[in-house]
Amino acid sequence: MAKCAFCGSTIIAGGIKNGELTFCNQDCFDKGVLTQWADMIPAELVERQVRAIHQGICPKCQGKGPVDVHVSHQVCSFIFKTSWKSTPGICCRSCGIKGRIGDIVYCALLGWWGIPWGLILTLVQIIRNLLGIIFTPNPAIPSEALYHYVRIDMASREVQKRQRLI
């Protein structure tokens, strides 16, 4: 399975290709230019920001960290229309688990109503959420996903700053 070049989520089916890069949706495709800017940010600046976020307080509950990227998965379907998404969030382990539990309930209530993908993807997304609860990021070190999000955030701010100057 491919990974989105922008958000890093796993692409189960479909995606938008641009050369060697694959994006999970149009929004990620549009923001893909940020990955090029992100590669130009000095590693020591990224490291400093990642450590500050990882060792800081949770932006969701204001509780103690460590803070990292936690991804929860949803599916919703109705007869022949099925849509699914993976939503990354920067938060503490407790908030990450709560988000995944909420999305398990969401999938169980709204996911299985479509034929045939609703039934299949409901099971897939529930399993992905359960695995995310069991295998959370290592609290001792920041994940690669956190490094990626910090790079993208820093690149986004740099692009916005440059656009204001023009």
N, C-alpha and C. Protein backbone atom coordinates (compact mmCIF):
# COMPACT_ATOMS: atom_id res chain seq x y z
N MET A 1 0.84 -1.18 0.00
CA MET A 1 0.00 0.00 0.00
C MET A 1 0.88 1.24 0.00
N ALA A 2 0.42 2.25 -0.68
CA ALA A 2 1.17 3.51 -0.79
C ALA A 2 0.90 4.38 0.42
N LYS A 3 1.82 5.31 0.68
CA LYS A 3 1.64 6.32 1.72
C LYS A 3 1.52 7.68 1.06
N CYS A 4 0.67 8.52 1.62
CA CYS A 4 0.49 9.86 1.10
C CYS A 4 1.78 10.66 1.29
N ALA A 5 2.25 11.30 0.23
CA ALA A 5 3.48 12.09 0.29
C ALA A 5 3.32 13.33 1.14
N PHE A 6 2.09 13.74 1.43
CA PHE A 6 1.89 14.92 2.26
C PHE A 6 1.59 14.57 3.71
N CYS A 7 0.52 13.83 3.96
CA CYS A 7 0.11 13.58 5.35
C CYS A 7 0.66 12.28 5.92
N GLY A 8 1.17 11.40 5.07
CA GLY A 8 1.76 10.16 5.55
C GLY A 8 0.77 9.04 5.82
N SER A 9 -0.54 9.27 5.59
CA SER A 9 -1.51 8.21 5.84
C SER A 9 -1.42 7.13 4.77
N THR A 10 -1.82 5.93 5.14
CA THR A 10 -1.79 4.81 4.22
C THR A 10 -2.95 4.94 3.23
N ILE A 11 -2.66 4.75 1.95
CA ILE A 11 -3.67 4.83 0.92
C ILE A 11 -4.11 3.42 0.59
N ILE A 12 -5.34 3.09 0.97
CA ILE A 12 -5.87 1.74 0.76
C ILE A 12 -6.18 1.52 -0.71
N ALA A 13 -6.86 2.48 -1.33
CA ALA A 13 -7.22 2.37 -2.74
C ALA A 13 -7.26 3.77 -3.33
N GLY A 14 -6.93 3.88 -4.59
CA GLY A 14 -7.00 5.16 -5.29
C GLY A 14 -5.79 6.03 -5.01
N GLY A 15 -6.04 7.29 -4.79
CA GLY A 15 -4.98 8.26 -4.59
C GLY A 15 -4.73 9.04 -5.86
N ILE A 16 -4.00 10.14 -5.73
CA ILE A 16 -3.66 11.00 -6.85
C ILE A 16 -2.16 10.98 -7.03
N LYS A 17 -1.70 10.63 -8.22
CA LYS A 17 -0.27 10.53 -8.50
C LYS A 17 0.23 11.80 -9.16
N ASN A 18 1.45 12.17 -8.79
CA ASN A 18 2.16 13.28 -9.42
C ASN A 18 3.61 12.83 -9.55
N GLY A 19 3.97 12.29 -10.69
CA GLY A 19 5.30 11.72 -10.86
C GLY A 19 5.45 10.51 -9.97
N GLU A 20 6.46 10.53 -9.12
CA GLU A 20 6.69 9.42 -8.20
C GLU A 20 5.94 9.57 -6.89
N LEU A 21 5.31 10.73 -6.68
CA LEU A 21 4.58 11.00 -5.44
C LEU A 21 3.12 10.59 -5.58
N THR A 22 2.55 10.06 -4.48
CA THR A 22 1.14 9.70 -4.43
C THR A 22 0.51 10.43 -3.25
N PHE A 23 -0.68 10.98 -3.47
CA PHE A 23 -1.40 11.72 -2.43
C PHE A 23 -2.74 11.06 -2.19
N CYS A 24 -3.24 11.14 -0.94
CA CYS A 24 -4.48 10.44 -0.60
C CYS A 24 -5.72 11.15 -1.12
N ASN A 25 -5.66 12.48 -1.30
CA ASN A 25 -6.82 13.22 -1.80
C ASN A 25 -6.36 14.53 -2.44
N GLN A 26 -7.31 15.29 -2.96
CA GLN A 26 -6.99 16.53 -3.66
C GLN A 26 -6.36 17.56 -2.72
N ASP A 27 -6.84 17.62 -1.49
CA ASP A 27 -6.28 18.57 -0.53
C ASP A 27 -4.80 18.29 -0.29
N CYS A 28 -4.44 17.04 -0.07
CA CYS A 28 -3.03 16.69 0.12
C CYS A 28 -2.23 16.94 -1.15
N PHE A 29 -2.82 16.69 -2.30
CA PHE A 29 -2.15 16.96 -3.57
C PHE A 29 -1.83 18.45 -3.70
N ASP A 30 -2.81 19.29 -3.36
CA ASP A 30 -2.62 20.74 -3.44
C ASP A 30 -1.53 21.23 -2.50
N LYS A 31 -1.42 20.59 -1.36
CA LYS A 31 -0.41 20.99 -0.38
C LYS A 31 0.94 20.30 -0.60
N GLY A 32 1.01 19.45 -1.60
CA GLY A 32 2.22 18.67 -1.86
C GLY A 32 3.46 19.51 -2.10
N VAL A 33 3.27 20.73 -2.58
CA VAL A 33 4.42 21.60 -2.81
C VAL A 33 5.18 21.87 -1.50
N LEU A 34 4.48 21.78 -0.40
CA LEU A 34 5.13 22.01 0.89
C LEU A 34 6.20 20.97 1.20
N THR A 35 6.05 19.77 0.66
CA THR A 35 7.06 18.75 0.92
C THR A 35 8.41 19.15 0.34
N GLN A 36 8.39 19.87 -0.77
CA GLN A 36 9.64 20.34 -1.36
C GLN A 36 10.29 21.40 -0.48
N TRP A 37 9.49 22.32 0.05
CA TRP A 37 10.01 23.33 0.97
C TRP A 37 10.50 22.68 2.26
N ALA A 38 9.77 21.68 2.72
CA ALA A 38 10.11 21.02 3.98
C ALA A 38 11.50 20.38 3.93
N ASP A 39 11.87 19.88 2.78
CA ASP A 39 13.18 19.25 2.64
C ASP A 39 14.33 20.24 2.75
N MET A 40 14.04 21.53 2.59
CA MET A 40 15.09 22.55 2.64
C MET A 40 15.30 23.15 4.04
N ILE A 41 14.46 22.78 4.99
CA ILE A 41 14.58 23.33 6.34
C ILE A 41 15.74 22.64 7.06
N PRO A 42 16.61 23.41 7.69
CA PRO A 42 17.75 22.82 8.40
C PRO A 42 17.31 21.85 9.50
N ALA A 43 18.00 20.72 9.57
CA ALA A 43 17.64 19.64 10.51
C ALA A 43 17.65 20.10 11.96
N GLU A 44 18.58 20.99 12.33
CA GLU A 44 18.66 21.42 13.73
C GLU A 44 17.44 22.25 14.14
N LEU A 45 16.86 23.03 13.20
CA LEU A 45 15.65 23.77 13.50
C LEU A 45 14.46 22.84 13.70
N VAL A 46 14.38 21.83 12.85
CA VAL A 46 13.30 20.84 12.96
C VAL A 46 13.43 20.08 14.28
N GLU A 47 14.63 19.66 14.59
CA GLU A 47 14.87 18.90 15.83
C GLU A 47 14.45 19.70 17.06
N ARG A 48 14.80 20.96 17.11
CA ARG A 48 14.46 21.82 18.26
C ARG A 48 12.95 21.92 18.41
N GLN A 49 12.24 22.14 17.31
CA GLN A 49 10.78 22.28 17.36
C GLN A 49 10.11 20.95 17.72
N VAL A 50 10.61 19.85 17.17
CA VAL A 50 10.04 18.54 17.49
C VAL A 50 10.18 18.24 18.97
N ARG A 51 11.34 18.48 19.54
CA ARG A 51 11.56 18.24 20.98
C ARG A 51 10.64 19.10 21.83
N ALA A 52 10.44 20.37 21.43
CA ALA A 52 9.56 21.25 22.20
C ALA A 52 8.11 20.74 22.19
N ILE A 53 7.65 20.28 21.04
CA ILE A 53 6.29 19.75 20.94
C ILE A 53 6.17 18.44 21.70
N HIS A 54 7.11 17.52 21.47
CA HIS A 54 7.06 16.20 22.10
C HIS A 54 7.07 16.28 23.62
N GLN A 55 7.85 17.19 24.17
CA GLN A 55 7.97 17.31 25.62
C GLN A 55 7.01 18.34 26.21
N GLY A 56 6.17 18.94 25.36
CA GLY A 56 5.25 19.98 25.81
C GLY A 56 3.93 19.42 26.30
N ILE A 57 2.96 20.31 26.42
CA ILE A 57 1.63 19.90 26.88
C ILE A 57 0.75 19.54 25.68
N CYS A 58 -0.24 18.72 25.94
CA CYS A 58 -1.17 18.27 24.89
C CYS A 58 -2.04 19.44 24.44
N PRO A 59 -2.09 19.72 23.14
CA PRO A 59 -2.93 20.82 22.66
C PRO A 59 -4.43 20.54 22.79
N LYS A 60 -4.83 19.30 22.99
CA LYS A 60 -6.25 18.97 23.10
C LYS A 60 -6.75 19.07 24.53
N CYS A 61 -6.02 18.45 25.48
CA CYS A 61 -6.51 18.39 26.86
C CYS A 61 -5.70 19.26 27.83
N GLN A 62 -4.61 19.84 27.33
CA GLN A 62 -3.70 20.66 28.14
C GLN A 62 -3.00 19.84 29.23
N GLY A 63 -3.00 18.51 29.08
CA GLY A 63 -2.33 17.63 30.02
C GLY A 63 -0.86 17.45 29.66
N LYS A 64 -0.16 16.71 30.52
CA LYS A 64 1.25 16.45 30.29
C LYS A 64 1.45 15.53 29.10
N GLY A 65 2.58 15.71 28.43
CA GLY A 65 2.96 14.87 27.30
C GLY A 65 3.47 13.54 27.78
N PRO A 66 4.16 12.84 26.95
CA PRO A 66 4.66 13.26 25.66
C PRO A 66 3.54 13.40 24.62
N VAL A 67 3.80 14.29 23.68
CA VAL A 67 2.86 14.59 22.60
C VAL A 67 3.44 14.02 21.31
N ASP A 68 2.59 13.40 20.51
CA ASP A 68 3.03 12.85 19.24
C ASP A 68 1.87 12.83 18.28
N VAL A 69 2.07 12.25 17.11
CA VAL A 69 1.01 12.14 16.10
C VAL A 69 0.25 10.84 16.34
N HIS A 70 -1.06 10.96 16.46
CA HIS A 70 -1.94 9.80 16.61
C HIS A 70 -2.97 9.87 15.50
N VAL A 71 -3.11 8.80 14.74
CA VAL A 71 -4.02 8.78 13.58
C VAL A 71 -5.22 7.91 13.90
N SER A 72 -6.42 8.47 13.67
CA SER A 72 -7.63 7.68 13.83
C SER A 72 -8.31 7.55 12.47
N HIS A 73 -9.13 6.52 12.33
CA HIS A 73 -9.67 6.14 11.02
C HIS A 73 -11.19 6.02 11.10
N GLN A 74 -11.87 6.53 10.06
CA GLN A 74 -13.34 6.49 9.98
C GLN A 74 -13.78 5.93 8.64
N VAL A 75 -15.00 5.42 8.64
CA VAL A 75 -15.68 5.05 7.40
C VAL A 75 -17.17 5.32 7.60
N CYS A 76 -17.79 5.81 6.55
CA CYS A 76 -19.23 6.09 6.57
C CYS A 76 -19.77 5.64 5.22
N SER A 77 -20.88 4.93 5.22
CA SER A 77 -21.43 4.48 3.94
C SER A 77 -22.95 4.40 3.97
N PHE A 78 -23.52 4.51 2.78
CA PHE A 78 -24.95 4.41 2.60
C PHE A 78 -25.22 3.80 1.23
N ILE A 79 -25.71 2.63 1.20
CA ILE A 79 -26.03 1.82 0.03
C ILE A 79 -24.82 1.69 -0.90
N PHE A 80 -24.70 2.52 -1.95
CA PHE A 80 -23.59 2.37 -2.89
C PHE A 80 -22.52 3.44 -2.74
N LYS A 81 -22.61 4.28 -1.73
CA LYS A 81 -21.64 5.36 -1.49
C LYS A 81 -20.90 5.08 -0.18
N THR A 82 -19.58 4.94 -0.29
CA THR A 82 -18.76 4.72 0.89
C THR A 82 -17.61 5.70 0.87
N SER A 83 -17.38 6.37 2.00
CA SER A 83 -16.22 7.26 2.11
C SER A 83 -15.48 6.93 3.39
N TRP A 84 -14.18 7.10 3.33
CA TRP A 84 -13.35 6.81 4.49
C TRP A 84 -12.23 7.83 4.56
N LYS A 85 -11.70 7.99 5.77
CA LYS A 85 -10.60 8.92 5.95
C LYS A 85 -9.78 8.53 7.16
N SER A 86 -8.56 9.01 7.16
CA SER A 86 -7.66 8.87 8.29
C SER A 86 -7.29 10.28 8.73
N THR A 87 -7.44 10.55 10.01
CA THR A 87 -7.21 11.89 10.53
C THR A 87 -6.08 11.87 11.55
N PRO A 88 -4.95 12.48 11.19
CA PRO A 88 -3.87 12.58 12.16
C PRO A 88 -4.12 13.73 13.12
N GLY A 89 -3.71 13.55 14.34
CA GLY A 89 -3.82 14.60 15.34
C GLY A 89 -2.59 14.62 16.22
N ILE A 90 -2.15 15.81 16.59
CA ILE A 90 -1.01 15.94 17.49
C ILE A 90 -1.59 16.10 18.88
N CYS A 91 -1.33 15.08 19.72
CA CYS A 91 -1.92 15.06 21.06
C CYS A 91 -1.18 14.04 21.93
N CYS A 92 -1.61 13.94 23.18
CA CYS A 92 -1.02 12.96 24.10
C CYS A 92 -1.62 11.57 23.80
N ARG A 93 -1.05 10.56 24.42
CA ARG A 93 -1.51 9.18 24.21
C ARG A 93 -2.98 9.02 24.60
N SER A 94 -3.37 9.61 25.72
CA SER A 94 -4.74 9.48 26.21
C SER A 94 -5.74 10.07 25.21
N CYS A 95 -5.46 11.25 24.68
CA CYS A 95 -6.35 11.87 23.69
C CYS A 95 -6.37 11.06 22.39
N GLY A 96 -5.22 10.50 22.02
CA GLY A 96 -5.15 9.65 20.84
C GLY A 96 -6.02 8.41 20.97
N ILE A 97 -5.99 7.79 22.14
CA ILE A 97 -6.82 6.60 22.39
C ILE A 97 -8.29 6.98 22.38
N LYS A 98 -8.64 8.10 23.03
CA LYS A 98 -10.05 8.54 23.05
C LYS A 98 -10.55 8.79 21.63
N GLY A 99 -9.73 9.41 20.79
CA GLY A 99 -10.12 9.66 19.41
C GLY A 99 -10.35 8.38 18.63
N ARG A 100 -9.50 7.40 18.85
CA ARG A 100 -9.65 6.12 18.15
C ARG A 100 -10.89 5.36 18.63
N ILE A 101 -11.15 5.40 19.94
CA ILE A 101 -12.35 4.74 20.47
C ILE A 101 -13.60 5.40 19.89
N GLY A 102 -13.60 6.72 19.83
CA GLY A 102 -14.73 7.44 19.23
C GLY A 102 -14.93 7.05 17.77
N ASP A 103 -13.83 6.89 17.04
CA ASP A 103 -13.93 6.51 15.63
C ASP A 103 -14.32 5.04 15.45
N ILE A 104 -13.99 4.18 16.40
CA ILE A 104 -14.47 2.79 16.35
C ILE A 104 -16.00 2.80 16.45
N VAL A 105 -16.53 3.58 17.38
CA VAL A 105 -17.99 3.68 17.53
C VAL A 105 -18.62 4.27 16.27
N TYR A 106 -18.00 5.32 15.72
CA TYR A 106 -18.48 5.95 14.49
C TYR A 106 -18.54 4.92 13.37
N CYS A 107 -17.47 4.16 13.18
CA CYS A 107 -17.42 3.13 12.13
C CYS A 107 -18.48 2.07 12.35
N ALA A 108 -18.63 1.63 13.60
CA ALA A 108 -19.60 0.58 13.90
C ALA A 108 -21.03 1.03 13.63
N LEU A 109 -21.31 2.31 13.86
CA LEU A 109 -22.66 2.82 13.63
C LEU A 109 -22.92 3.20 12.18
N LEU A 110 -21.95 3.80 11.50
CA LEU A 110 -22.20 4.38 10.18
C LEU A 110 -21.45 3.73 9.03
N GLY A 111 -20.53 2.81 9.32
CA GLY A 111 -19.68 2.30 8.27
C GLY A 111 -20.21 1.17 7.44
N TRP A 112 -20.97 0.30 8.01
CA TRP A 112 -21.30 -0.97 7.35
C TRP A 112 -22.53 -0.90 6.45
N TRP A 113 -23.13 0.25 6.24
CA TRP A 113 -24.38 0.37 5.50
C TRP A 113 -24.22 0.33 3.98
N GLY A 114 -23.00 0.29 3.47
CA GLY A 114 -22.80 0.29 2.02
C GLY A 114 -22.40 -1.07 1.49
N ILE A 115 -22.74 -1.32 0.23
CA ILE A 115 -22.43 -2.59 -0.41
C ILE A 115 -21.48 -2.31 -1.56
N PRO A 116 -20.38 -3.00 -1.74
CA PRO A 116 -19.74 -3.96 -0.85
C PRO A 116 -18.70 -3.31 0.07
N TRP A 117 -18.28 -2.07 -0.27
CA TRP A 117 -17.14 -1.48 0.45
C TRP A 117 -17.44 -1.15 1.90
N GLY A 118 -18.66 -0.82 2.23
CA GLY A 118 -18.99 -0.48 3.61
C GLY A 118 -18.65 -1.60 4.57
N LEU A 119 -19.04 -2.81 4.21
CA LEU A 119 -18.78 -3.96 5.07
C LEU A 119 -17.27 -4.21 5.22
N ILE A 120 -16.57 -4.15 4.11
CA ILE A 120 -15.13 -4.45 4.11
C ILE A 120 -14.35 -3.35 4.84
N LEU A 121 -14.60 -2.10 4.47
CA LEU A 121 -13.82 -1.00 5.05
C LEU A 121 -14.15 -0.73 6.51
N THR A 122 -15.37 -1.07 6.94
CA THR A 122 -15.69 -0.93 8.36
C THR A 122 -14.77 -1.82 9.18
N LEU A 123 -14.62 -3.05 8.76
CA LEU A 123 -13.73 -3.98 9.45
C LEU A 123 -12.28 -3.48 9.41
N VAL A 124 -11.85 -3.01 8.25
CA VAL A 124 -10.47 -2.52 8.10
C VAL A 124 -10.22 -1.34 9.02
N GLN A 125 -11.11 -0.35 9.03
CA GLN A 125 -10.90 0.85 9.83
C GLN A 125 -10.99 0.55 11.33
N ILE A 126 -11.88 -0.33 11.73
CA ILE A 126 -11.95 -0.71 13.15
C ILE A 126 -10.66 -1.39 13.57
N ILE A 127 -10.15 -2.29 12.74
CA ILE A 127 -8.89 -2.97 13.07
C ILE A 127 -7.74 -1.97 13.13
N ARG A 128 -7.70 -1.03 12.19
CA ARG A 128 -6.64 -0.01 12.21
C ARG A 128 -6.69 0.81 13.50
N ASN A 129 -7.90 1.16 13.95
CA ASN A 129 -8.03 1.90 15.21
C ASN A 129 -7.60 1.05 16.41
N LEU A 130 -7.99 -0.20 16.40
CA LEU A 130 -7.58 -1.09 17.51
C LEU A 130 -6.07 -1.25 17.55
N LEU A 131 -5.44 -1.43 16.39
CA LEU A 131 -3.98 -1.54 16.33
C LEU A 131 -3.31 -0.25 16.80
N GLY A 132 -3.92 0.88 16.47
CA GLY A 132 -3.40 2.16 16.92
C GLY A 132 -3.48 2.33 18.43
N ILE A 133 -4.49 1.75 19.05
CA ILE A 133 -4.61 1.79 20.51
C ILE A 133 -3.54 0.90 21.14
N ILE A 134 -3.31 -0.25 20.55
CA ILE A 134 -2.34 -1.20 21.10
C ILE A 134 -0.91 -0.74 20.86
N PHE A 135 -0.63 -0.29 19.64
CA PHE A 135 0.73 0.09 19.26
C PHE A 135 0.84 1.61 19.11
N THR A 136 0.83 2.32 20.21
CA THR A 136 0.97 3.78 20.18
C THR A 136 2.43 4.13 19.98
N PRO A 137 2.71 5.38 19.56
CA PRO A 137 4.10 5.78 19.40
C PRO A 137 4.90 5.64 20.70
N ASN A 138 6.17 5.33 20.55
CA ASN A 138 7.07 5.19 21.70
C ASN A 138 7.13 6.53 22.43
N PRO A 139 6.75 6.57 23.72
CA PRO A 139 6.74 7.85 24.43
C PRO A 139 8.14 8.41 24.70
N ALA A 140 9.17 7.59 24.60
CA ALA A 140 10.53 8.05 24.90
C ALA A 140 11.14 8.89 23.79
N ILE A 141 10.69 8.65 22.54
CA ILE A 141 11.28 9.39 21.41
C ILE A 141 10.17 9.87 20.47
N PRO A 142 10.37 11.01 19.82
CA PRO A 142 9.37 11.48 18.85
C PRO A 142 9.33 10.55 17.63
N SER A 143 8.15 10.37 17.08
CA SER A 143 7.98 9.52 15.90
C SER A 143 8.42 10.26 14.65
N GLU A 144 8.64 9.49 13.59
CA GLU A 144 8.95 10.08 12.28
C GLU A 144 7.77 10.93 11.80
N ALA A 145 6.56 10.52 12.15
CA ALA A 145 5.38 11.29 11.74
C ALA A 145 5.41 12.68 12.36
N LEU A 146 5.86 12.81 13.61
CA LEU A 146 5.95 14.12 14.24
C LEU A 146 7.00 14.98 13.53
N TYR A 147 8.12 14.39 13.19
CA TYR A 147 9.14 15.13 12.42
C TYR A 147 8.55 15.63 11.10
N HIS A 148 7.80 14.76 10.44
CA HIS A 148 7.19 15.12 9.16
C HIS A 148 6.24 16.31 9.33
N TYR A 149 5.36 16.24 10.33
CA TYR A 149 4.40 17.31 10.54
C TYR A 149 5.07 18.62 10.92
N VAL A 150 6.12 18.56 11.70
CA VAL A 150 6.84 19.79 12.05
C VAL A 150 7.47 20.40 10.80
N ARG A 151 8.10 19.57 9.97
CA ARG A 151 8.70 20.08 8.73
C ARG A 151 7.64 20.74 7.85
N ILE A 152 6.49 20.10 7.69
CA ILE A 152 5.42 20.64 6.85
C ILE A 152 4.89 21.94 7.45
N ASP A 153 4.71 21.99 8.75
CA ASP A 153 4.23 23.21 9.40
C ASP A 153 5.21 24.35 9.21
N MET A 154 6.49 24.08 9.39
CA MET A 154 7.51 25.11 9.21
C MET A 154 7.55 25.57 7.75
N ALA A 155 7.42 24.64 6.82
CA ALA A 155 7.42 25.00 5.39
C ALA A 155 6.19 25.84 5.06
N SER A 156 5.05 25.49 5.62
CA SER A 156 3.82 26.24 5.37
C SER A 156 3.96 27.68 5.85
N ARG A 157 4.52 27.86 7.03
CA ARG A 157 4.73 29.21 7.54
C ARG A 157 5.69 30.00 6.66
N GLU A 158 6.73 29.34 6.15
CA GLU A 158 7.70 30.01 5.28
C GLU A 158 7.06 30.42 3.95
N VAL A 159 6.25 29.54 3.37
CA VAL A 159 5.57 29.86 2.12
C VAL A 159 4.59 31.02 2.33
N GLN A 160 3.84 31.01 3.42
CA GLN A 160 2.92 32.10 3.71
C GLN A 160 3.65 33.41 3.89
N LYS A 161 4.79 33.37 4.59
CA LYS A 161 5.59 34.56 4.81
C LYS A 161 6.08 35.14 3.48
N ARG A 162 6.53 34.28 2.59
CA ARG A 162 7.02 34.73 1.29
C ARG A 162 5.89 35.28 0.42
N GLN A 163 4.71 34.69 0.52
CA GLN A 163 3.57 35.17 -0.26
C GLN A 163 3.13 36.56 0.21
N ARG A 164 3.26 36.84 1.49
CA ARG A 164 2.91 38.16 2.00
C ARG A 164 3.88 39.23 1.50
N LEU A 165 5.14 38.83 1.27
CA LEU A 165 6.15 39.77 0.81
C LEU A 165 5.96 40.15 -0.66
N ILE A 166 5.27 39.29 -1.39
CA ILE A 166 5.10 39.53 -2.84
C ILE A 166 4.01 40.54 -3.09
